[in-house]
Protein backbone atom coordinates (compact mmCIF):
# COMPACT_ATOMS: atom_id res chain seq x y z
CA MET A 1 92.25 -52.43 -33.73
CA ASN A 2 91.25 -48.93 -34.05
CA ASN A 3 91.64 -46.81 -30.45
CA TYR A 4 88.83 -44.84 -29.29
CA LYS A 5 88.37 -42.14 -26.49
CA ILE A 6 85.21 -40.91 -24.99
CA ASP A 7 85.00 -36.89 -24.78
CA LYS A 8 82.59 -35.98 -21.93
CA SER A 9 83.03 -32.58 -22.46
CA LYS A 10 81.25 -32.80 -26.01
CA ASN A 11 78.36 -30.46 -26.40
CA ILE A 12 75.78 -32.28 -28.03
CA GLY A 13 72.89 -29.93 -27.59
CA ASN A 14 69.60 -31.45 -28.13
CA VAL A 15 69.44 -35.09 -29.59
CA ILE A 16 66.32 -37.28 -30.28
CA PHE A 17 65.94 -40.80 -29.88
CA VAL A 18 62.88 -42.60 -30.95
CA VAL A 19 63.05 -46.16 -29.51
CA GLU A 20 60.95 -49.49 -30.37
CA GLY A 21 60.49 -50.70 -26.62
CA GLY A 22 59.04 -49.40 -23.80
CA ARG A 23 56.56 -49.75 -20.83
CA PRO A 24 54.41 -47.13 -19.07
CA ASP A 25 55.72 -48.61 -15.77
CA THR A 26 59.34 -49.20 -16.15
CA GLY A 27 59.96 -47.65 -19.51
CA GLY A 28 61.62 -50.70 -20.98
CA THR A 29 65.11 -51.70 -21.57
CA GLU A 30 65.78 -49.39 -24.47
CA LEU A 31 64.77 -46.32 -22.41
CA ARG A 32 66.70 -47.62 -19.60
CA LEU A 33 69.76 -48.17 -21.47
CA LEU A 34 69.65 -44.66 -22.83
CA LYS A 35 69.04 -43.20 -19.42
CA LYS A 36 72.05 -45.37 -18.10
CA ILE A 37 74.48 -44.13 -21.29
CA PHE A 38 73.49 -40.61 -21.23
CA ALA A 39 72.73 -39.47 -17.97
CA ASP A 40 74.73 -41.94 -15.40
CA ILE A 41 77.88 -42.68 -17.57
CA LEU A 42 78.16 -39.09 -19.56
CA GLY A 43 76.47 -36.81 -17.40
CA TYR A 44 73.82 -35.36 -19.87
CA GLU A 45 70.05 -34.55 -19.01
CA VAL A 46 67.79 -37.33 -20.36
CA GLN A 47 64.10 -36.44 -20.54
CA GLU A 48 62.08 -39.85 -21.33
CA LEU A 49 58.50 -39.88 -22.40
CA ARG A 50 57.39 -43.52 -22.02
CA ARG A 51 54.33 -45.06 -24.15
CA GLY A 52 51.04 -44.04 -22.97
CA SER A 53 52.52 -41.39 -20.73
CA ASP A 54 51.51 -37.78 -20.65
CA GLU A 55 54.41 -36.58 -18.80
CA PHE A 56 58.39 -36.53 -19.44
CA ILE A 57 60.38 -38.11 -16.70
CA GLY A 58 63.65 -35.96 -16.24
CA TYR A 59 67.17 -37.53 -15.21
CA GLY A 60 69.73 -34.74 -14.52
CA SER A 61 70.13 -31.27 -15.54
CA ASN A 62 72.18 -30.15 -18.45
CA ALA A 63 70.63 -27.48 -20.64
CA GLN A 64 73.85 -28.05 -23.10
CA CYS A 65 73.21 -31.86 -23.54
CA ARG A 66 69.75 -33.08 -23.46
CA VAL A 67 68.85 -36.30 -24.80
CA PHE A 68 65.21 -37.06 -25.43
CA ALA A 69 64.37 -40.79 -25.42
CA LEU A 70 60.86 -41.20 -26.60
CA ASN A 71 58.21 -43.84 -27.48
CA LEU A 72 55.73 -43.67 -30.31
CA PRO A 73 52.28 -44.77 -28.92
CA LYS A 74 52.55 -48.15 -30.91
CA ASN A 75 55.82 -50.61 -30.90
CA GLN A 76 56.10 -51.69 -34.61
CA LEU A 77 58.34 -49.72 -36.99
CA THR A 78 55.61 -49.53 -39.46
CA GLU A 79 53.88 -47.51 -37.01
CA MET A 80 56.42 -44.74 -37.61
CA THR A 81 54.31 -42.53 -39.85
CA GLU A 82 54.63 -38.94 -40.54
CA GLU A 83 51.37 -38.42 -38.67
CA ALA A 84 52.58 -40.22 -35.59
CA LEU A 85 55.98 -38.41 -35.48
CA ASP A 86 54.47 -34.97 -35.91
CA GLU A 87 52.54 -35.47 -33.00
CA LEU A 88 55.52 -36.61 -31.04
CA TYR A 89 57.68 -33.89 -31.87
CA ARG A 90 54.68 -31.26 -31.15
CA ARG A 91 54.78 -32.48 -27.61
CA LEU A 92 58.54 -31.82 -27.29
CA ASN A 93 57.63 -28.08 -28.78
CA VAL A 94 55.09 -27.56 -26.46
CA GLU A 95 56.81 -28.79 -23.23
CA PHE A 96 60.60 -27.72 -24.10
CA ASN A 97 60.46 -25.45 -27.09
CA ILE A 98 62.25 -28.02 -29.21
CA LYS A 99 61.97 -28.06 -33.11
CA PRO A 100 63.17 -31.52 -34.78
CA GLU A 101 64.41 -30.02 -37.46
CA ASP A 102 67.14 -28.43 -34.96
CA CYS A 103 68.34 -31.82 -33.75
CA PRO A 104 69.91 -34.93 -34.80
CA ILE A 105 67.44 -37.95 -34.77
CA PHE A 106 67.90 -41.49 -34.32
CA TYR A 107 65.46 -44.50 -34.54
CA LEU A 108 66.41 -47.46 -32.44
CA TYR A 109 64.71 -50.52 -33.77
CA ASP A 110 65.09 -54.36 -33.76
CA ARG A 111 64.90 -56.80 -36.78
CA ASP A 112 64.04 -60.47 -36.45
CA TYR A 113 62.36 -62.70 -38.86
CA LEU A 114 58.95 -62.02 -37.63
CA SER A 115 59.38 -58.25 -37.37
CA TYR A 116 58.02 -57.16 -40.84
CA LYS A 117 57.02 -58.32 -44.42
CA ARG A 118 59.83 -59.43 -46.59
CA ASN A 119 61.72 -56.20 -48.01
CA GLU A 120 59.48 -54.09 -46.50
CA LEU A 121 61.86 -52.34 -44.53
CA ARG A 122 64.46 -51.80 -47.00
CA ARG A 123 62.02 -50.00 -49.35
CA LYS A 124 60.22 -48.02 -46.88
CA TYR A 125 62.59 -46.81 -43.99
CA VAL A 126 66.18 -48.16 -44.43
CA MET A 127 66.54 -46.18 -47.55
CA LYS A 128 64.51 -43.48 -46.29
CA TYR A 129 65.95 -42.63 -42.84
CA THR A 130 69.99 -42.54 -43.43
CA ASP A 131 71.02 -39.04 -41.97
CA PRO A 132 70.14 -37.70 -38.45
CA TYR A 133 70.63 -34.02 -39.65
CA GLY A 134 68.27 -34.55 -42.82
CA ASP A 135 69.06 -35.33 -46.46
CA GLU A 136 68.38 -33.31 -49.66
CA GLU A 137 65.21 -34.78 -49.88
CA GLY A 138 63.88 -33.48 -46.46
CA ASN A 139 63.95 -37.08 -44.74
CA GLN A 140 65.43 -36.47 -41.47
CA GLY A 141 66.38 -39.30 -38.85
CA GLN A 142 69.21 -42.22 -38.87
CA LEU A 143 67.50 -45.86 -38.53
CA LEU A 144 69.80 -47.86 -36.65
CA LEU A 145 68.49 -51.31 -37.16
CA SER A 146 70.16 -53.72 -34.70
CA TYR A 147 69.91 -57.54 -34.63
CA PRO A 148 68.53 -56.91 -31.82
CA ALA A 149 69.22 -53.65 -30.59
CA VAL A 150 69.57 -54.00 -26.59
CA GLU A 151 70.57 -57.75 -26.38
CA SER A 152 73.36 -57.70 -28.93
CA TYR A 153 74.73 -54.19 -27.36
CA LEU A 154 74.52 -55.70 -23.84
CA LEU A 155 76.81 -58.62 -24.92
CA SER A 156 78.84 -56.12 -27.14
CA CYS A 157 80.14 -54.40 -23.85
CA ILE A 158 81.37 -57.72 -22.19
CA GLN A 159 82.11 -60.10 -24.95
CA ASP A 160 84.51 -60.65 -27.83
CA ASN A 161 83.30 -61.19 -31.59
CA VAL A 162 79.84 -61.09 -30.76
CA PHE A 163 78.81 -61.12 -34.79
CA LEU A 164 79.67 -64.82 -34.60
CA GLN A 165 76.53 -65.60 -32.77
CA SER A 166 72.93 -65.91 -34.63
CA TYR A 167 69.78 -66.32 -33.68
CA PHE A 168 66.35 -66.66 -35.40
CA LEU A 169 64.01 -64.54 -33.20
CA GLY A 170 65.26 -61.57 -30.94
CA LYS A 171 63.41 -63.43 -28.10
CA ASP A 172 65.61 -66.35 -28.52
CA LEU A 173 68.72 -64.20 -27.23
CA LYS A 174 67.03 -63.15 -23.98
CA PRO A 175 67.92 -66.34 -22.09
CA GLU A 176 71.68 -66.12 -23.44
CA VAL A 177 72.13 -62.51 -21.96
CA ALA A 178 70.08 -63.74 -18.83
CA LYS A 179 72.99 -66.55 -18.31
CA THR A 180 75.69 -63.62 -18.37
CA GLY A 181 74.04 -61.91 -15.56
CA PHE A 182 74.65 -58.42 -17.35
CA SER A 183 72.01 -56.24 -17.90
CA GLU A 184 71.63 -52.44 -18.94
CA LYS A 185 71.86 -51.53 -15.16
CA ASP A 186 75.21 -53.13 -14.89
CA ILE A 187 77.03 -50.50 -17.90
CA GLU A 188 78.90 -48.49 -15.80
CA THR A 189 82.26 -47.83 -17.40
CA ASP A 190 83.54 -45.95 -20.20
CA GLU A 191 85.32 -49.33 -20.97
CA HIS A 192 81.77 -50.62 -21.68
CA LEU A 193 80.84 -48.26 -24.35
CA ILE A 194 84.09 -48.52 -26.07
CA HIS A 195 84.06 -52.31 -26.06
CA ALA A 196 80.72 -51.93 -27.93
CA VAL A 197 82.02 -49.87 -30.76
CA THR A 198 85.21 -52.30 -30.99
CA GLU A 199 82.67 -54.99 -31.29
CA MET A 200 79.93 -53.18 -33.86
CA ASN A 201 83.16 -52.61 -35.99
CA ARG A 202 84.17 -56.40 -35.89
CA GLY A 203 80.95 -57.45 -37.14
CA LEU A 204 80.84 -54.55 -39.89
CA GLU A 205 84.42 -55.73 -41.19
CA ALA A 206 83.04 -59.35 -40.92
CA PHE A 207 80.24 -58.08 -43.27
CA ASN A 208 82.72 -56.55 -45.70
CA LEU A 209 81.08 -53.09 -44.38
CA GLY A 210 84.23 -51.94 -42.30
CA GLU A 211 85.24 -48.88 -44.15
CA TYR A 212 82.35 -46.55 -43.57
CA ASP A 213 82.06 -42.81 -43.56
CA LEU A 214 80.26 -40.88 -40.66
CA ASP A 215 79.02 -38.40 -43.15
CA ASN A 216 77.43 -40.86 -45.31
CA LEU A 217 76.38 -43.97 -43.66
CA ALA A 218 73.69 -44.80 -45.96
CA PRO A 219 75.66 -47.52 -48.06
CA THR A 220 76.41 -49.20 -44.54
CA LEU A 221 73.09 -49.17 -43.25
CA LEU A 222 71.73 -50.60 -46.48
CA GLY A 223 74.66 -53.13 -46.46
CA VAL A 224 74.24 -54.27 -43.20
CA TYR A 225 70.52 -54.75 -44.10
CA ASP A 226 71.54 -56.78 -47.31
CA TYR A 227 73.85 -59.06 -45.71
CA GLN A 228 71.27 -60.06 -42.66
CA GLN A 229 68.63 -60.76 -45.09
CA GLU A 230 71.11 -62.77 -47.40
CA LYS A 231 71.94 -64.84 -43.92
CA GLN A 232 68.65 -65.19 -43.03
CA LYS A 233 67.93 -67.04 -46.41
CA THR A 234 71.01 -69.21 -45.93
CA ASP A 235 70.58 -70.51 -42.49
CA ALA A 236 67.34 -69.12 -41.12
CA THR A 237 69.22 -66.44 -38.38
CA PHE A 238 70.36 -63.06 -38.16
CA SER A 239 74.28 -62.39 -36.78
CA LEU A 240 74.04 -60.45 -33.74
CA LEU A 241 75.05 -56.68 -34.37
CA SER A 242 74.16 -53.64 -32.39
CA LEU A 243 74.47 -50.11 -34.05
CA ILE A 244 73.52 -48.06 -31.04
CA SER A 245 77.34 -47.27 -31.07
CA MET A 246 77.13 -45.56 -34.27
CA ALA A 247 75.08 -42.88 -32.73
CA LEU A 248 77.57 -42.19 -30.25
CA LEU A 249 80.22 -41.93 -32.97
CA GLU A 250 77.81 -39.65 -35.01
CA LEU A 251 77.69 -37.53 -32.11
CA GLY A 252 81.22 -37.05 -31.68
CA ILE A 253 80.84 -38.66 -27.87
CA ILE A 254 83.44 -41.39 -29.04
CA THR A 255 85.98 -40.60 -31.26
CA GLU A 256 88.94 -42.42 -32.82
CA TYR A 257 92.41 -41.59 -31.97
CA GLU A 258 95.96 -42.33 -32.84
CA ASP A 259 98.35 -43.15 -30.35
CA SER A 260 100.43 -40.05 -30.93
CA ASP A 261 97.38 -38.13 -30.20
CA ILE A 262 96.92 -38.97 -26.37
CA ASP A 263 97.21 -36.59 -23.84
CA ASP A 264 96.36 -35.67 -20.55
CA ASN A 265 93.21 -34.20 -21.11
CA ALA A 266 90.86 -35.05 -18.04
CA ASN A 267 87.77 -35.13 -19.87
CA ASP A 268 88.78 -37.87 -22.09
CA SER A 269 88.70 -41.46 -21.38
CA VAL A 270 91.15 -43.51 -23.35
CA LEU A 271 91.11 -47.29 -23.88
């Protein structure tokens, strides 16, 4: 099993997350999850823009590490058009003088049977958005398509071998998560974040995708999509897998280490 540590002193600069869920009154589970991880646990600044809101909601203050958690006007991934993204990024530029080309960008979306037309995701989105820093064709952003994103991440924080569970629809998983009594509000420790990374890796290994390159994740992201498509054809369900942890690895907040690398650095949490 891989060893991981969290570096809370990591300077990530400005990072953009565009997420699927979101409600004007509460922000939705995705925005609350990002706030919990980045503001409450890691101590970064989080600026949240809820769907239908004209104002950003800020948590914490850290000019060196700011996470922008944003909703598009509409929920579906198919609404992630160039025009909609440009308007979202224009608001960032006006409010914070942030240019998207200077930031890594992650898109957090769900996949279940009723999400989108067959093969539409792979053709239009999974193949296009593979690099948070931008590819040679000018496509910027990494689509971390999860099954489903928040619920599978929550279980990955506290349960082992989550990938063995499978569901037809994301909503079918919500009652199972409720039974655990664990929600995004209960993610409080570094160990939760590291356990989720370990669970993600277990799932990828089960999909024969355990060897991945953070500098070239396109084959892995496409491999996950293809695996899940085949599983759905076989038994009409998708295996639970959250790729949210991949963003923490990409940003260098969570890093792998050898036993010989352990030191007494007070900024690092090791599990």
